[in-house]
Protein backbone atom coordinates (compact mmCIF):
# COMPACT_ATOMS: atom_id res chain seq x y z
CA MET A 1 0.02 -0.19 0.15
CA ASP A 2 1.22 3.55 -1.16
CA VAL A 3 1.44 5.53 1.76
CA SER A 4 2.45 8.39 0.26
CA ALA A 5 -1.17 8.69 -1.28
CA LYS A 6 -3.18 10.86 -0.75
CA PRO A 7 -6.79 10.93 -0.06
CA PRO A 8 -9.03 11.94 -2.66
CA ALA A 9 -10.99 15.02 -0.71
CA GLN A 10 -6.95 16.47 -0.01
CA MET A 11 -6.40 16.26 -3.71
CA ASP A 12 -9.20 17.80 -4.77
CA GLY A 13 -8.98 20.78 -2.51
CA GLN A 14 -5.45 21.05 -3.56
CA LYS A 15 -6.44 21.17 -7.26
CA HIS A 16 -9.25 23.04 -6.03
CA ARG A 17 -7.23 26.06 -4.73
CA ARG A 18 -3.99 25.87 -7.36
CA SER A 19 -7.04 26.53 -9.88
CA GLY A 20 -7.97 30.18 -8.46
CA GLY A 21 -9.63 29.66 -4.85
CA PHE A 22 -13.73 29.36 -3.84
CA ALA A 23 -15.94 30.08 -6.93
CA GLY A 24 -16.75 33.61 -4.77
CA ASP A 25 -13.22 34.73 -4.72
CA PRO A 26 -13.51 36.27 -7.93
CA LEU A 27 -16.76 38.03 -6.82
CA PHE A 28 -15.66 38.95 -3.91
CA LYS A 29 -12.39 40.78 -5.33
CA MET A 30 -14.92 42.15 -7.77
CA LEU A 31 -17.11 43.46 -5.15
CA VAL A 32 -14.27 45.15 -3.11
CA MET A 33 -13.13 47.13 -5.82
CA ALA A 34 -16.56 48.31 -6.77
CA THR A 35 -16.76 49.78 -3.36
CA GLY A 36 -13.22 51.30 -3.39
CA ILE A 37 -14.15 52.66 -7.22
CA GLY A 38 -16.88 53.89 -6.03
CA VAL A 39 -15.75 55.79 -3.36
CA LEU A 40 -12.99 57.33 -5.46
CA LEU A 41 -16.00 58.50 -7.74
CA VAL A 42 -18.44 59.77 -5.39
CA LEU A 43 -15.63 62.13 -4.41
CA GLY A 44 -15.10 63.32 -7.50
CA ALA A 45 -18.44 63.54 -8.40
CA ILE A 46 -18.90 66.12 -4.95
CA ILE A 47 -15.57 67.90 -6.11
CA ALA A 48 -16.62 68.41 -9.78
CA VAL A 49 -20.45 69.89 -8.67
CA MET A 50 -18.93 72.45 -6.58
CA SER A 51 -16.09 73.50 -8.42
CA ILE A 52 -18.48 73.49 -11.58
CA GLY A 53 -21.49 75.17 -9.44
CA GLY A 54 -18.83 77.76 -8.12
CA PHE A 55 -17.33 78.47 -11.11
CA PRO A 56 -19.79 81.72 -12.31
CA ALA A 57 -18.67 83.11 -8.85
CA PHE A 58 -14.67 82.60 -9.68
CA LYS A 59 -15.01 83.97 -13.00
CA ALA A 60 -17.56 87.17 -11.60
CA PHE A 61 -14.57 88.11 -8.83
CA GLY A 62 -11.59 86.28 -9.48
CA PRO A 63 -9.20 86.16 -6.96
CA GLY A 64 -10.69 89.03 -5.02
CA PHE A 65 -13.64 86.42 -4.06
CA LEU A 66 -11.61 84.65 -1.54
CA VAL A 67 -9.58 87.94 0.31
CA SER A 68 -13.04 89.83 0.49
CA ALA A 69 -15.14 90.47 3.23
CA VAL A 70 -18.15 91.50 1.99
CA TRP A 71 -21.74 89.67 1.53
CA ASN A 72 -24.09 91.22 0.46
CA PRO A 73 -26.66 90.06 -1.54
CA VAL A 74 -28.62 93.18 -2.34
CA SER A 75 -25.32 94.50 -4.18
CA GLN A 76 -24.88 90.99 -5.84
CA HIS A 77 -21.01 91.35 -4.30
CA PHE A 78 -19.58 88.06 -2.42
CA GLY A 79 -16.57 87.59 -0.56
CA ALA A 80 -15.15 83.89 0.87
CA ALA A 81 -12.36 86.08 3.37
CA ALA A 82 -15.41 86.04 6.60
CA PRO A 83 -16.60 82.51 6.43
CA VAL A 84 -13.23 81.10 5.52
CA PHE A 85 -12.06 82.97 8.83
CA GLY A 86 -14.74 82.62 10.90
CA THR A 87 -14.20 78.34 9.92
CA LEU A 88 -10.84 78.58 10.59
CA ALA A 89 -10.25 80.48 13.95
CA SER A 90 -13.82 78.47 15.23
CA SER A 91 -12.09 74.84 14.65
CA ALA A 92 -8.51 75.99 16.06
CA LEU A 93 -10.25 76.93 18.97
CA GLY A 94 -12.42 74.41 19.60
CA LEU A 95 -9.30 72.11 19.07
CA LEU A 96 -7.39 73.67 21.24
CA ILE A 97 -9.89 73.26 23.98
CA ALA A 98 -10.53 69.95 23.11
CA VAL A 99 -7.36 67.87 22.40
CA PRO A 100 -6.41 68.07 25.65
CA LEU A 101 -9.05 67.10 27.70
CA ALA A 102 -9.73 64.03 25.37
CA PHE A 103 -6.06 63.05 25.44
CA GLY A 104 -6.13 63.61 29.65
CA THR A 105 -9.67 61.51 29.56
CA ALA A 106 -8.32 58.72 27.25
CA PHE A 107 -4.82 58.05 29.39
CA TRP A 108 -7.16 57.97 32.27
CA LEU A 109 -9.41 55.74 31.01
CA THR A 110 -7.15 53.48 29.65
CA ALA A 111 -4.30 53.73 32.74
CA LEU A 112 -5.23 55.18 35.82
CA ALA A 113 -9.70 54.52 36.31
CA PRO A 114 -10.93 51.62 37.93
CA PRO A 115 -12.23 48.82 35.36
CA VAL A 116 -15.39 49.38 36.15
CA LEU A 117 -15.11 53.46 36.03
CA ALA A 118 -13.78 52.73 33.22
CA ALA A 119 -16.13 51.12 30.99
CA ILE A 120 -19.19 53.60 32.44
CA ILE A 121 -17.11 56.57 31.86
CA GLY A 122 -16.02 54.80 28.55
CA MET A 123 -19.90 54.21 27.36
CA ALA A 124 -21.49 57.82 28.13
CA VAL A 125 -18.43 59.08 25.99
CA GLN A 126 -19.64 57.28 23.00
CA LEU A 127 -23.27 58.10 24.10
CA LEU A 128 -22.34 61.77 24.22
CA ALA A 129 -20.32 61.18 20.78
CA ALA A 130 -23.77 59.59 19.10
CA VAL A 131 -25.65 63.13 20.12
CA PRO A 132 -27.51 65.25 17.21
CA SER A 133 -25.35 68.50 16.69
CA ILE A 134 -28.74 70.24 16.60
CA ILE A 135 -29.35 69.65 20.29
CA PHE A 136 -25.50 70.20 21.22
CA GLY A 137 -26.92 74.07 19.38
CA MET A 138 -30.29 74.29 21.40
CA TRP A 139 -27.61 73.34 24.54
CA GLY A 140 -25.34 76.22 23.79
CA PHE A 141 -28.24 78.67 22.92
CA PHE A 142 -29.59 78.16 26.33
CA VAL A 143 -27.14 77.05 28.74
CA LEU A 144 -24.06 78.82 27.36
CA VAL A 145 -24.54 82.25 25.51
CA PRO A 146 -26.33 84.04 29.22
CA PRO A 147 -23.82 83.24 31.51
CA MET A 148 -21.45 83.88 28.71
CA ALA A 149 -23.24 87.36 28.20
CA HIS A 150 -23.65 88.28 31.84
CA TYR A 151 -20.70 86.76 33.24
CA VAL A 152 -17.50 85.31 31.05
CA GLN A 153 -17.24 88.50 29.02
CA PRO A 154 -17.27 91.27 31.52
CA PHE A 155 -15.15 89.55 33.71
CA ALA A 156 -12.61 89.34 30.92
CA ARG A 157 -13.17 92.54 30.03
CA HIS A 158 -12.13 93.93 33.56
CA MET A 159 -9.02 91.63 33.68
CA PHE A 160 -7.59 92.38 30.31
CA GLY A 161 -9.63 95.32 28.89
CA HIS A 162 -6.62 97.75 29.92
CA ILE A 163 -3.27 95.82 28.26
CA PRO A 164 -2.30 96.64 24.75
CA GLY A 165 -2.65 93.48 22.41
CA LEU A 166 -5.01 91.36 24.80
CA SER A 167 -8.13 94.41 24.82
CA ALA A 168 -8.67 93.55 21.12
CA LEU A 169 -9.46 89.62 22.23
CA VAL A 170 -12.29 91.25 24.95
CA SER A 171 -13.97 94.13 23.32
CA GLY A 172 -17.23 94.36 21.38
CA ALA A 173 -20.71 93.98 22.97
CA PRO A 174 -21.49 91.69 25.23
CA PHE A 175 -23.95 89.40 23.35
CA GLY A 176 -23.10 85.60 24.64
CA THR A 177 -23.04 84.39 20.96
CA GLY A 178 -19.67 84.60 19.57
CA MET A 179 -16.53 83.07 18.27
CA LEU A 180 -15.70 81.52 21.73
CA THR A 181 -19.13 80.44 22.52
CA ALA A 182 -19.25 78.44 18.89
CA GLY A 183 -15.43 76.73 20.03
CA LEU A 184 -16.79 75.91 23.04
CA ILE A 185 -19.44 73.99 21.31
CA LEU A 186 -17.56 72.49 19.39
CA ALA A 187 -14.86 71.53 21.71
CA ILE A 188 -17.65 69.86 23.42
CA MET A 189 -18.83 67.94 20.07
CA VAL A 190 -15.29 66.69 19.03
CA MET A 191 -13.73 65.68 22.50
CA PRO A 192 -15.64 62.63 22.03
CA SER A 193 -15.10 61.50 19.10
CA ILE A 194 -10.86 62.24 19.59
CA THR A 195 -11.29 60.50 23.09
CA ALA A 196 -12.96 57.49 21.87
CA VAL A 197 -10.34 56.81 18.91
CA MET A 198 -7.02 57.89 21.18
CA ARG A 199 -8.60 55.57 23.71
CA ASP A 200 -9.03 52.94 21.32
CA VAL A 201 -4.89 53.22 20.09
CA PHE A 202 -3.91 53.35 24.20
CA THR A 203 -5.98 50.03 24.54
CA SER A 204 -3.98 48.53 21.68
CA MET A 205 -0.67 49.13 22.98
CA PRO A 206 1.85 46.33 24.58
CA THR A 207 1.00 46.61 28.04
CA VAL A 208 4.83 45.72 28.64
CA LEU A 209 5.47 48.59 27.12
CA ARG A 210 4.10 50.68 29.32
CA GLU A 211 5.18 48.45 32.15
CA SER A 212 8.99 48.27 30.93
CA ALA A 213 8.96 52.30 31.46
CA TYR A 214 7.31 51.77 34.79
CA GLY A 215 10.29 49.05 35.86
CA LEU A 216 12.59 51.49 35.20
CA GLY A 217 11.31 54.11 37.30
CA ALA A 218 9.33 56.72 35.02
CA THR A 219 6.60 59.26 36.75
CA ARG A 220 3.58 58.56 34.84
CA TRP A 221 3.79 61.78 32.75
CA GLU A 222 7.27 60.39 31.46
CA VAL A 223 5.80 56.99 30.50
CA MET A 224 2.71 59.51 28.84
CA ARG A 225 5.15 61.24 27.10
CA GLN A 226 7.99 59.44 25.76
CA VAL A 227 6.15 56.16 25.40
CA VAL A 228 3.11 56.27 24.96
CA LEU A 229 3.09 59.25 22.89
CA PRO A 230 5.76 58.06 20.12
CA TRP A 231 3.76 54.84 20.42
CA SER A 232 0.26 56.07 19.55
CA ARG A 233 1.31 58.63 17.41
CA GLN A 234 -0.49 57.80 13.80
CA GLY A 235 -3.80 57.10 15.73
CA VAL A 236 -3.88 60.46 17.97
CA VAL A 237 -2.95 62.01 14.96
CA GLY A 238 -6.18 60.13 13.31
CA GLY A 239 -8.13 61.14 15.98
CA ILE A 240 -7.35 64.82 15.79
CA VAL A 241 -8.10 65.39 12.24
CA LEU A 242 -11.16 63.44 12.72
CA GLY A 243 -11.82 66.04 15.46
CA MET A 244 -10.75 68.74 13.16
CA GLY A 245 -12.91 67.40 9.99
CA ARG A 246 -15.99 67.54 12.39
CA ALA A 247 -15.00 71.06 13.48
CA MET A 248 -14.89 72.58 10.19
CA GLY A 249 -17.82 70.76 9.13
CA GLU A 250 -20.64 71.08 11.57
CA THR A 251 -23.41 73.70 11.14
CA MET A 252 -26.53 73.53 12.95
CA ALA A 253 -24.79 73.80 16.28
CA VAL A 254 -22.29 76.76 15.31
CA THR A 255 -25.38 78.69 13.34
CA PHE A 256 -27.02 78.67 17.06
CA VAL A 257 -24.58 80.32 18.76
CA ILE A 258 -22.17 81.81 16.51
CA GLY A 259 -23.74 85.30 15.92
CA ASP A 260 -24.11 84.73 12.11
CA SER A 261 -22.29 88.03 11.15
CA ASN A 262 -20.08 88.68 8.13
CA HIS A 263 -17.32 90.31 9.55
CA ILE A 264 -13.57 89.96 10.43
CA GLY A 265 -12.60 90.52 13.67
CA TRP A 266 -10.08 89.51 16.38
CA SER A 267 -12.56 89.59 19.30
CA LEU A 268 -13.45 86.40 20.85
CA PHE A 269 -16.90 87.02 21.79
CA ALA A 270 -17.46 89.28 18.74
CA PRO A 271 -20.85 87.81 16.19
CA ALA A 272 -18.62 85.82 13.09
CA ASN A 273 -20.00 83.32 10.70
CA THR A 274 -18.49 79.58 9.54
CA ILE A 275 -18.79 78.47 5.54
CA ALA A 276 -21.25 75.48 6.65
CA SER A 277 -23.14 78.05 8.96
CA LEU A 278 -23.30 80.44 6.26
CA ILE A 279 -24.87 77.93 3.45
CA ALA A 280 -27.43 76.63 5.95
CA LEU A 281 -28.65 80.37 6.08
CA GLU A 282 -28.53 81.57 2.74
CA PHE A 283 -29.46 78.25 0.38
CA PRO A 284 -32.80 78.06 1.16
CA GLU A 285 -33.29 81.89 -0.18
CA SER A 286 -30.58 81.63 -3.51
CA PRO A 287 -32.63 80.78 -6.78
CA ALA A 288 -31.24 78.31 -8.73
CA GLY A 289 -28.58 80.20 -11.43
CA SER A 290 -28.18 83.21 -9.28
CA LEU A 291 -24.23 84.60 -8.59
CA LYS A 292 -25.51 84.38 -4.93
CA LEU A 293 -25.79 80.41 -4.94
CA ALA A 294 -22.87 79.91 -7.49
CA SER A 295 -20.66 81.89 -4.26
CA LEU A 296 -22.00 79.65 -1.96
CA MET A 297 -20.92 75.92 -4.09
CA ALA A 298 -17.92 77.96 -4.26
CA LEU A 299 -17.64 77.88 -0.27
CA GLY A 300 -18.27 74.48 -0.40
CA ALA A 301 -15.52 73.83 -2.92
CA ILE A 302 -13.05 76.08 -0.64
CA LEU A 303 -14.24 73.67 2.34
CA MET A 304 -13.42 70.89 0.76
CA ALA A 305 -9.93 72.33 -0.50
CA ILE A 306 -9.30 73.20 3.27
CA SER A 307 -9.89 69.74 4.51
CA PHE A 308 -7.74 68.49 1.82
CA VAL A 309 -4.96 70.83 2.90
CA THR A 310 -4.93 69.85 6.62
CA LEU A 311 -5.56 66.75 5.98
CA TRP A 312 -2.02 66.82 3.30
CA CYS A 313 -0.16 68.81 6.18
CA SER A 314 -1.12 66.42 8.85
CA ARG A 315 0.43 63.07 6.70
CA ILE A 316 3.55 65.65 6.07
CA LEU A 317 4.15 66.10 9.70
CA LEU A 318 3.36 62.64 10.46
CA ALA A 319 5.93 61.01 8.01
CA ARG A 320 8.50 63.40 9.62
CA GLY A 321 7.87 62.86 13.27
CA GLU A 322 8.17 58.96 12.27
CA ALA A 323 11.18 59.86 10.08
CA GLN A 324 12.82 61.85 12.78
CA ALA A 325 12.10 58.78 15.20
CA GLY A 326 13.48 56.45 12.82
CA LYS A 327 17.35 58.11 13.00
CA ARG A 328 17.10 58.79 16.84
CA SER A 329 16.54 55.36 17.14
């Protein structure tokens, strides 16, 4: 009896694998490829619609559309500078507040909190990320705006109003709505998303790395700065970029609390506008084929361009950080 002879089922399996795998593999490959190409097609269609729709505005105003702060539907003169400035400023304020809080919360949940408490608070953070944006806007209008008008801005003007340079940041009437209020709302909105991403990244970090640092006598701050951050750099940057994208594209929550005023000012308490809030307010009143509608479409194209540039810059900074870390090692 030939012991080297293989069973018929095993021989059939080997022939099946050599012949190209299961019959469903080509179909699965085609479906996956179609989904990937479909994402590119949808993205290209969005860019094309925004660019083609906004072309009349770029043609009518030229490069001045990007630097003009005027938005006057009566005189049919439109500019993108004010909403672009409001978008960048409010998003920057929101991230400045949200990123440290998100990082501290994620590190506490993964390294310091008791397991039962970490599970409860982690679930609460995830539920907070699922709250609709209009709820945040209504909450901010009724809860944040009155204290900002009655307490925060008067206190800030009393403390810093006489200091050159800082006085411009606290000037203006105490309306309560403005850039700082919008930044606070954005920080509350994007912090759960950033926290969830950072928490997942910190949890996936090998325990031996953290325990080895503690064994060498490192403090919690040294472990966080010299071990956790370098290892989880990609995930941290990814979470921040995710929060930045939501902050720049947020519409209804910002519309409630930013004041909806098209002007550029340095005061943190002055009413302003963002690209998303301006589009939400003006789009229903824009006739088809009008220059106003074209200007709003152009603003949408500019917002997409800003998102792409920020993502590209984050990838460059991340690549440089990894290259420097490789050289040090």
